[in-house]
Amino acid sequence: MQQEVIDNTHKDFGHNWVSSSRFIWFCQVFVILAFVLGGCYGLYTHRYKGKPDVKVPENTLYNPKYK
């Protein structure tokens, strides 16, 4: 009985530098895109919400008012 030899070296990740480099490139693009979108979301959630209404003591104004 003769056994058939199946050559899987062209499908192996370590032996095929074209598919492995493509996979690594897609991983890099995904990671960079995830960091950019995460940074944009972080800036959006911590954005400046407007001028707050701050109570300033009258004796610290440019023209102070004393009692």
Protein backbone atom coordinates (compact mmCIF):
# COMPACT_ATOMS: atom_id res chain seq x y z
CA MET A 1 0.00 0.00 0.00
CA GLN A 2 1.39 3.37 -1.03
CA GLN A 3 0.80 6.44 1.12
CA GLU A 4 0.24 9.85 -0.40
CA VAL A 5 2.54 12.63 0.81
CA ILE A 6 0.75 15.93 1.34
CA ASP A 7 2.96 19.01 1.15
CA ASN A 8 1.60 21.71 3.48
CA THR A 9 4.68 23.92 3.55
CA HIS A 10 3.11 26.50 1.24
CA LYS A 11 0.17 26.85 3.66
CA ASP A 12 2.28 27.09 6.81
CA PHE A 13 2.54 30.51 8.45
CA GLY A 14 6.26 30.21 9.14
CA HIS A 15 7.24 29.01 5.69
CA ASN A 16 5.24 31.46 3.58
CA TRP A 17 6.65 34.96 4.13
CA VAL A 18 4.05 36.57 1.85
CA SER A 19 1.04 35.49 3.90
CA SER A 20 2.84 36.05 7.21
CA SER A 21 3.95 39.57 6.28
CA ARG A 22 0.43 40.37 5.06
CA PHE A 23 -1.00 39.08 8.35
CA ILE A 24 1.47 41.13 10.40
CA TRP A 25 0.71 44.23 8.29
CA PHE A 26 -3.03 43.82 8.89
CA CYS A 27 -2.38 43.38 12.62
CA GLN A 28 -0.34 46.59 12.67
CA VAL A 29 -3.05 48.51 10.82
CA PHE A 30 -5.71 47.18 13.21
CA VAL A 31 -3.67 48.11 16.30
CA ILE A 32 -2.89 51.63 15.01
CA LEU A 33 -6.54 52.16 14.08
CA ALA A 34 -7.64 50.94 17.51
CA PHE A 35 -5.23 53.37 19.24
CA VAL A 36 -6.36 56.30 17.08
CA LEU A 37 -10.05 55.61 17.64
CA GLY A 38 -9.46 55.04 21.36
CA GLY A 39 -7.57 58.33 21.62
CA CYS A 40 -10.31 60.19 19.77
CA TYR A 41 -12.92 58.69 22.07
CA GLY A 42 -10.88 59.64 25.12
CA LEU A 43 -10.54 63.22 23.91
CA TYR A 44 -14.26 63.35 23.15
CA THR A 45 -15.29 62.13 26.59
CA HIS A 46 -12.91 64.55 28.37
CA ARG A 47 -13.65 67.53 26.11
CA TYR A 48 -14.05 71.11 27.32
CA LYS A 49 -17.68 71.54 28.27
CA GLY A 50 -17.81 75.35 28.31
CA LYS A 51 -17.08 78.26 30.57
CA PRO A 52 -17.92 77.35 34.17
CA ASP A 53 -19.69 79.82 36.45
CA VAL A 54 -16.97 80.53 39.01
CA LYS A 55 -17.63 82.70 42.06
CA VAL A 56 -14.73 85.12 42.43
CA PRO A 57 -14.31 86.97 45.72
CA GLU A 58 -14.83 90.70 45.25
CA ASN A 59 -11.59 91.62 47.04
CA THR A 60 -9.53 89.76 44.37
CA LEU A 61 -10.94 91.56 41.33
CA TYR A 62 -8.89 93.94 39.16
CA ASN A 63 -10.74 96.81 40.81
CA PRO A 64 -11.33 95.30 44.27
CA LYS A 65 -14.40 96.14 46.27
CA TYR A 66 -13.83 96.28 50.00
CA LYS A 67 -16.42 96.27 52.76
